[in-house]
Protein backbone atom coordinates (compact mmCIF):
# COMPACT_ATOMS: atom_id res chain seq x y z
CA UNK A 1 -60.10 0.94 -4.36
CA UNK A 2 -57.46 0.80 -7.08
CA UNK A 3 -58.90 3.99 -8.55
CA UNK A 4 -58.64 5.64 -5.13
CA UNK A 5 -55.00 4.59 -4.87
CA UNK A 6 -54.21 5.94 -8.34
CA UNK A 7 -55.77 9.27 -7.43
CA UNK A 8 -53.57 9.40 -4.34
CA UNK A 9 -50.54 8.64 -6.52
CA UNK A 10 -51.51 11.39 -8.95
CA UNK A 11 -51.22 13.92 -6.14
CA UNK A 12 -47.95 12.56 -4.82
CA UNK A 13 -49.14 10.45 -1.88
CA UNK A 14 -46.86 7.42 -1.81
CA UNK A 15 -48.18 5.72 1.36
CA UNK A 16 -51.77 5.61 2.60
CA UNK A 17 -53.31 4.06 5.70
CA UNK A 18 -56.98 3.13 6.01
CA UNK A 19 -58.30 2.98 9.54
CA UNK A 20 -60.78 0.24 10.23
CA UNK A 21 -63.52 0.33 7.58
CA UNK A 22 -62.36 -2.46 5.25
CA UNK A 23 -65.45 -3.85 3.53
CA UNK A 24 -65.28 -7.48 2.32
CA UNK A 25 -61.51 -7.59 3.01
CA UNK A 26 -60.81 -5.54 -0.14
CA UNK A 27 -58.10 -3.39 1.44
CA UNK A 28 -56.35 -6.15 3.35
CA UNK A 29 -56.38 -8.29 0.18
CA UNK A 30 -54.82 -5.53 -1.91
CA UNK A 31 -52.27 -4.87 0.82
CA UNK A 32 -51.30 -8.54 0.92
CA UNK A 33 -51.07 -8.67 -2.89
CA UNK A 34 -48.74 -5.67 -2.83
CA UNK A 35 -46.48 -7.17 -0.21
CA UNK A 36 -46.34 -10.59 -1.87
CA UNK A 37 -45.54 -9.04 -5.26
CA UNK A 38 -48.72 -10.34 -6.89
CA UNK A 39 -49.86 -6.73 -7.32
CA UNK A 40 -46.67 -5.29 -8.78
CA UNK A 41 -47.62 -1.79 -9.92
CA UNK A 42 -44.87 0.80 -9.32
CA UNK A 43 -47.39 3.63 -9.71
CA UNK A 44 -49.52 2.59 -6.73
CA UNK A 45 -48.99 3.96 -3.22
CA UNK A 46 -48.05 1.51 -0.50
CA UNK A 47 -51.28 0.58 1.29
CA UNK A 48 -51.62 0.07 5.03
CA UNK A 49 -54.90 -0.93 6.66
CA UNK A 50 -56.35 -1.57 10.09
CA UNK A 51 -58.86 -3.99 8.50
CA UNK A 52 -62.09 -3.60 10.51
CA UNK A 53 -62.24 -1.82 13.83
CA UNK A 54 -64.17 -2.24 17.08
CA UNK A 55 -67.04 -0.22 18.54
CA UNK A 56 -69.69 -0.51 21.26
CA UNK A 57 -73.16 -1.69 20.23
CA UNK A 58 -76.17 0.54 20.80
CA UNK A 59 -79.18 -1.67 21.60
CA UNK A 60 -81.98 -1.17 19.11
CA UNK A 61 -79.90 1.28 17.04
CA UNK A 62 -76.89 1.34 14.77
CA UNK A 63 -73.57 1.70 16.55
CA UNK A 64 -71.40 4.79 16.88
CA UNK A 65 -68.86 3.74 14.27
CA UNK A 66 -68.28 5.72 11.07
CA UNK A 67 -71.60 6.49 9.38
CA UNK A 68 -70.60 4.75 6.13
CA UNK A 69 -69.40 1.52 7.78
CA UNK A 70 -71.55 0.82 10.82
CA UNK A 71 -72.31 -2.59 9.32
CA UNK A 72 -68.62 -3.38 8.87
CA UNK A 73 -67.13 -2.71 12.31
CA UNK A 74 -67.11 -5.29 15.10
CA UNK A 75 -69.43 -4.64 18.05
CA UNK A 76 -68.02 -5.59 21.46
CA UNK A 77 -69.44 -4.90 24.89
CA UNK A 78 -67.33 -6.97 27.30
CA UNK A 79 -63.67 -7.48 28.04
CA UNK A 80 -63.81 -11.08 26.81
CA UNK A 81 -65.50 -10.07 23.54
CA UNK A 82 -62.92 -7.35 23.02
CA UNK A 83 -59.95 -9.68 23.47
CA UNK A 84 -61.48 -12.42 21.33
CA UNK A 85 -62.22 -9.96 18.50
CA UNK A 86 -58.67 -8.59 18.56
CA UNK A 87 -57.34 -12.16 18.36
CA UNK A 88 -59.65 -12.83 15.41
CA UNK A 89 -58.46 -9.67 13.64
CA UNK A 90 -54.85 -10.54 14.37
CA UNK A 91 -55.09 -13.54 12.06
CA UNK A 92 -55.30 -11.09 9.13
CA UNK A 93 -52.16 -9.29 10.34
CA UNK A 94 -53.57 -5.76 10.08
CA UNK A 95 -51.19 -2.83 10.36
CA UNK A 96 -52.98 -1.57 13.47
CA UNK A 97 -56.00 -2.27 15.65
CA UNK A 98 -58.55 0.56 15.48
CA UNK A 99 -61.48 1.27 17.81
CA UNK A 100 -64.02 4.07 18.25
CA UNK A 101 -64.89 5.85 21.51
CA UNK A 102 -67.56 8.35 20.54
CA UNK A 103 -71.20 8.69 21.60
CA UNK A 104 -72.04 10.84 18.55
CA UNK A 105 -73.40 13.75 20.57
CA UNK A 106 -75.06 11.53 23.16
CA UNK A 107 -76.93 9.34 20.69
CA UNK A 108 -74.82 6.16 20.83
CA UNK A 109 -73.20 3.89 23.38
CA UNK A 110 -69.48 4.26 24.03
CA UNK A 111 -66.88 1.60 24.73
CA UNK A 112 -66.38 1.36 28.48
CA UNK A 113 -62.85 2.04 29.80
CA UNK A 114 -62.34 -1.59 30.82
CA UNK A 115 -63.34 -2.73 27.31
CA UNK A 116 -61.06 -0.36 25.39
CA UNK A 117 -58.27 -1.11 27.87
CA UNK A 118 -58.69 -4.79 26.95
CA UNK A 119 -58.52 -3.93 23.24
CA UNK A 120 -55.29 -2.00 23.74
CA UNK A 121 -53.77 -4.63 26.00
CA UNK A 122 -54.57 -7.52 23.66
CA UNK A 123 -53.33 -5.57 20.63
CA UNK A 124 -50.02 -4.90 22.35
CA UNK A 125 -49.71 -8.49 23.57
CA UNK A 126 -50.00 -9.63 19.96
CA UNK A 127 -47.59 -7.01 18.65
CA UNK A 128 -49.97 -4.47 17.08
CA UNK A 129 -50.33 -0.72 17.40
CA UNK A 130 -53.63 0.43 18.89
CA UNK A 131 -55.31 3.55 17.49
CA UNK A 132 -58.41 5.15 19.00
CA UNK A 133 -60.99 7.40 17.42
CA UNK A 134 -61.94 9.91 20.10
CA UNK A 135 -63.97 13.11 20.26
CA UNK A 136 -64.13 14.27 23.88
CA UNK A 137 -61.26 15.27 26.16
CA UNK A 138 -62.08 12.76 28.90
CA UNK A 139 -62.08 9.87 26.43
CA UNK A 140 -58.77 10.99 24.95
CA UNK A 141 -57.22 10.96 28.41
CA UNK A 142 -58.76 7.58 29.14
CA UNK A 143 -57.32 5.83 26.08
CA UNK A 144 -53.94 7.50 26.66
CA UNK A 145 -53.82 6.28 30.24
CA UNK A 146 -54.68 2.80 28.93
CA UNK A 147 -51.62 2.90 26.66
CA UNK A 148 -52.97 3.69 23.20
CA UNK A 149 -50.36 4.43 20.52
CA UNK A 150 -52.28 7.01 18.52
CA UNK A 151 -55.47 9.04 18.54
CA UNK A 152 -57.68 9.97 15.64
CA UNK A 153 -58.30 12.77 15.66
CA UNK A 154 -57.51 15.88 17.69
CA UNK A 155 -59.79 16.50 20.68
CA UNK A 156 -62.86 18.42 19.52
CA UNK A 157 -64.80 18.86 22.75
CA UNK A 158 -63.78 21.12 24.43
CA UNK A 159 -60.17 20.97 23.22
CA UNK A 160 -56.91 19.89 24.88
CA UNK A 161 -55.63 20.85 28.31
CA UNK A 162 -52.19 20.65 29.92
CA UNK A 163 -52.80 17.14 31.24
CA UNK A 164 -53.67 15.84 27.78
CA UNK A 165 -50.51 17.35 26.31
CA UNK A 166 -48.47 15.71 29.08
CA UNK A 167 -50.07 12.33 28.38
CA UNK A 168 -49.42 12.67 24.65
CA UNK A 169 -45.78 13.56 25.31
CA UNK A 170 -45.16 10.85 27.88
CA UNK A 171 -45.23 7.89 25.51
CA UNK A 172 -44.69 9.81 22.23
CA UNK A 173 -48.28 9.10 21.20
CA UNK A 174 -49.15 10.38 17.72
CA UNK A 175 -52.24 12.42 16.91
CA UNK A 176 -53.96 12.73 13.53
CA UNK A 177 -55.19 16.14 12.41
CA UNK A 178 -58.34 15.85 10.20
CA UNK A 179 -59.10 19.56 10.06
CA UNK A 180 -60.08 20.14 6.44
CA UNK A 181 -63.29 18.14 6.62
CA UNK A 182 -64.68 20.73 9.06
CA UNK A 183 -63.34 23.65 7.06
CA UNK A 184 -65.20 22.75 3.87
CA UNK A 185 -68.57 23.25 5.59
CA UNK A 186 -68.16 27.02 5.71
CA UNK A 187 -65.16 27.76 3.49
CA UNK A 188 -65.49 29.42 0.10
CA UNK A 189 -66.40 26.62 -2.33
CA UNK A 190 -64.14 28.16 -5.00
CA UNK A 191 -61.64 25.39 -4.22
CA UNK A 192 -63.93 23.04 -6.15
CA UNK A 193 -62.95 24.90 -9.32
CA UNK A 194 -59.21 24.81 -8.72
CA UNK A 195 -57.25 23.32 -11.65
CA UNK A 196 -55.64 20.84 -9.25
CA UNK A 197 -59.09 19.32 -8.72
CA UNK A 198 -60.86 19.93 -12.02
CA UNK A 199 -58.20 17.99 -13.94
CA UNK A 200 -59.14 14.78 -12.11
CA UNK A 201 -62.75 15.15 -10.93
CA UNK A 202 -65.75 15.57 -13.19
CA UNK A 203 -67.92 18.68 -13.20
CA UNK A 204 -70.88 16.56 -12.13
CA UNK A 205 -69.10 15.17 -9.08
CA UNK A 206 -67.92 18.63 -8.07
CA UNK A 207 -71.42 20.05 -8.55
CA UNK A 208 -72.82 17.34 -6.28
CA UNK A 209 -70.39 18.26 -3.52
CA UNK A 210 -71.08 21.98 -3.98
CA UNK A 211 -74.82 21.33 -3.69
CA UNK A 212 -74.29 19.21 -0.58
CA UNK A 213 -72.31 22.01 1.07
CA UNK A 214 -74.88 24.63 0.05
CA UNK A 215 -77.70 22.54 1.52
CA UNK A 216 -76.17 22.49 5.01
CA UNK A 217 -78.46 24.25 7.51
CA UNK A 218 -77.08 27.44 9.10
CA UNK A 219 -76.78 25.78 12.50
CA UNK A 220 -74.57 23.05 11.03
CA UNK A 221 -72.35 25.60 9.33
CA UNK A 222 -72.04 27.56 12.58
CA UNK A 223 -71.20 24.36 14.49
CA UNK A 224 -68.50 23.50 11.96
CA UNK A 225 -67.02 26.97 12.29
CA UNK A 226 -66.87 26.61 16.07
CA UNK A 227 -65.44 23.11 15.79
CA UNK A 228 -62.79 24.28 13.37
CA UNK A 229 -61.71 27.06 15.74
CA UNK A 230 -61.21 24.41 18.43
CA UNK A 231 -59.16 22.30 16.00
CA UNK A 232 -56.93 25.26 15.13
CA UNK A 233 -56.33 25.99 18.81
CA UNK A 234 -55.74 22.28 19.46
CA UNK A 235 -53.14 22.06 16.72
CA UNK A 236 -51.27 25.04 18.11
CA UNK A 237 -51.32 23.50 21.60
CA UNK A 238 -50.06 20.16 20.26
CA UNK A 239 -47.26 21.81 18.30
CA UNK A 240 -46.19 24.01 21.20
CA UNK A 241 -46.25 20.95 23.46
CA UNK A 242 -44.04 18.90 21.15
CA UNK A 243 -46.73 16.32 20.33
CA UNK A 244 -46.15 14.07 17.31
CA UNK A 245 -48.78 15.39 14.87
CA UNK A 246 -49.44 13.44 11.66
CA UNK A 247 -51.36 14.65 8.63
CA UNK A 248 -54.68 12.87 8.22
CA UNK A 249 -57.48 14.15 6.02
CA UNK A 250 -60.41 11.75 6.66
CA UNK A 251 -60.00 11.06 2.96
CA UNK A 252 -63.03 9.71 1.16
CA UNK A 253 -65.60 11.01 3.66
CA UNK A 254 -68.10 13.66 2.61
CA UNK A 255 -66.13 16.38 0.76
CA UNK A 256 -62.71 14.75 1.01
CA UNK A 257 -61.64 13.89 -2.55
CA UNK A 258 -58.87 11.31 -2.71
CA UNK A 259 -55.50 13.01 -3.13
CA UNK A 260 -56.52 16.66 -3.05
CA UNK A 261 -57.82 16.29 0.52
CA UNK A 262 -54.26 15.76 1.77
CA UNK A 263 -53.10 18.97 0.10
CA UNK A 264 -55.96 20.95 1.60
CA UNK A 265 -55.19 19.37 4.97
CA UNK A 266 -51.59 20.54 4.98
CA UNK A 267 -52.83 24.00 3.98
CA UNK A 268 -55.24 23.97 6.93
CA UNK A 269 -52.40 23.06 9.27
CA UNK A 270 -50.30 26.01 8.09
CA UNK A 271 -53.24 28.42 8.18
CA UNK A 272 -53.75 27.39 11.80
CA UNK A 273 -50.22 28.53 12.62
CA UNK A 274 -47.97 25.53 11.96
CA UNK A 275 -44.73 26.37 10.17
CA UNK A 276 -44.70 25.09 6.57
CA UNK A 277 -41.58 22.97 7.11
CA UNK A 278 -43.04 21.46 10.27
CA UNK A 279 -46.30 20.68 8.47
CA UNK A 280 -44.31 19.07 5.67
CA UNK A 281 -42.55 16.82 8.18
CA UNK A 282 -45.97 15.86 9.55
CA UNK A 283 -46.83 14.59 6.06
CA UNK A 284 -43.53 12.86 5.27
CA UNK A 285 -40.87 12.16 7.88
CA UNK A 286 -43.07 11.51 10.93
CA UNK A 287 -45.57 9.16 9.20
CA UNK A 288 -42.66 7.14 7.82
CA UNK A 289 -41.29 6.76 11.33
CA UNK A 290 -44.67 5.78 12.81
CA UNK A 291 -45.34 3.24 10.04
CA UNK A 292 -41.88 1.73 10.37
CA UNK A 293 -40.63 2.74 6.91
CA UNK A 294 -36.98 3.74 7.34
CA UNK A 295 -36.38 3.72 3.57
CA UNK A 296 -38.51 6.81 2.91
CA UNK A 297 -39.90 10.01 4.39
CA UNK A 298 -36.83 12.21 3.85
CA UNK A 299 -34.53 13.04 0.93
CA UNK A 300 -31.37 11.19 1.89
CA UNK A 301 -28.74 9.16 0.06
CA UNK A 302 -29.75 5.51 -0.02
CA UNK A 303 -33.46 6.08 0.52
CA UNK A 304 -36.24 5.55 -2.00
CA UNK A 305 -36.59 8.24 -4.63
CA UNK A 306 -40.19 9.09 -3.75
CA UNK A 307 -40.39 12.58 -5.18
CA UNK A 308 -43.13 15.18 -5.38
CA UNK A 309 -41.70 17.76 -7.79
CA UNK A 310 -43.34 21.19 -7.56
CA UNK A 311 -43.41 24.31 -9.69
CA UNK A 312 -43.29 26.63 -6.66
CA UNK A 313 -41.89 26.68 -3.13
CA UNK A 314 -44.34 25.47 -0.45
CA UNK A 315 -42.21 27.04 2.28
CA UNK A 316 -43.24 30.40 0.83
CA UNK A 317 -46.86 29.45 0.06
CA UNK A 318 -48.15 26.09 1.28
CA UNK A 319 -50.73 26.02 -1.53
CA UNK A 320 -47.76 25.39 -3.83
CA UNK A 321 -47.96 21.69 -2.89
CA UNK A 322 -50.83 21.56 -5.42
CA UNK A 323 -48.66 22.95 -8.24
CA UNK A 324 -47.29 19.55 -9.20
CA UNK A 325 -44.78 19.13 -11.99
CA UNK A 326 -44.05 15.40 -11.55
CA UNK A 327 -44.40 12.47 -9.18
CA UNK A 328 -41.89 9.62 -8.84
CA UNK A 329 -42.24 6.48 -6.72
CA UNK A 330 -38.88 4.76 -6.15
CA UNK A 331 -37.56 6.68 -9.14
CA UNK A 332 -40.40 5.51 -11.37
CA UNK A 333 -42.39 8.39 -12.91
CA UNK A 334 -46.14 8.26 -12.35
CA UNK A 335 -47.84 8.82 -15.71
CA UNK A 336 -50.13 11.62 -14.62
CA UNK A 337 -51.12 12.50 -18.18
CA UNK A 338 -52.37 8.95 -18.81
CA UNK A 339 -54.39 9.05 -15.59
CA UNK A 340 -55.94 12.39 -16.55
CA UNK A 341 -56.98 11.01 -19.93
CA UNK A 342 -58.46 7.92 -18.32
CA UNK A 343 -60.55 9.90 -15.83
CA UNK A 344 -61.70 12.34 -18.50
CA UNK A 345 -62.87 9.45 -20.67
CA UNK A 346 -64.73 7.86 -17.76
CA UNK A 347 -66.45 11.20 -17.02
CA UNK A 348 -67.57 11.47 -20.66
């Protein structure tokens, strides 16, 4: 986990939130050590975590949580179980309460509306944000009507409609993007040889990802292409509707290398039609507001000197965010050269 955080720092990510897949309390422990001062490393990003999230059980099968953490999430099937689990999680003081509403293409059980409403209600009663993973339009509307604070990710089946945009606007709900993970399934894999990635990731690791992409069956590639088109249209609808859109890259899953995934995500947002400055705000100013960090997110007198110094102008070409000259956290320079040497040595 510390290595993941250092890779994020290398690419200029100064705050990172994990959403509900904390195994063995590693993330919540690191977060607490940061906030107590026990882990006093000025080159680490500030870590936020939702600890472990909630999901419906599927009798006789694994649940519909994230494929890499189905054994970590909490299974709840009744209102009482939902409230009790939120109270149990609250003792760890997570930064949000996360739950999944997704039947994984009809193969898993979904949280019932009364159960996820209980999760949201109990989270709010105890003073926590509630964030829902959703896939389908009807579920997105359901969690919004129940008072959720944020949705992860954009609606992917069949896409948003006017009512969804109205619900998102009504309570200033935030929506996470997570576009790039779909794009890599059919995109040119030349990005795996970009200097921005090769200087931190071994040839072997990149070859493994390239082989994984190449092994995808044609029907999966076609499905990803269709899904990505929906995401692009969704993003445009959210932006035009004034929805609070936040950059989220599903970092760590499948092809999403820590640090570079965020830069490819902001590129995806701009390629979909979002203005570069607006996309930049979705990665800086708006997340700081949502996370309650008034000391950062914009370049203003009196705020932290969290600086991503570039060799080119991202307002002219958004890919310039990957042309990094220097990174500073609170005025402290991140030693990117030392990190490169360390990773090169570990890769042999």
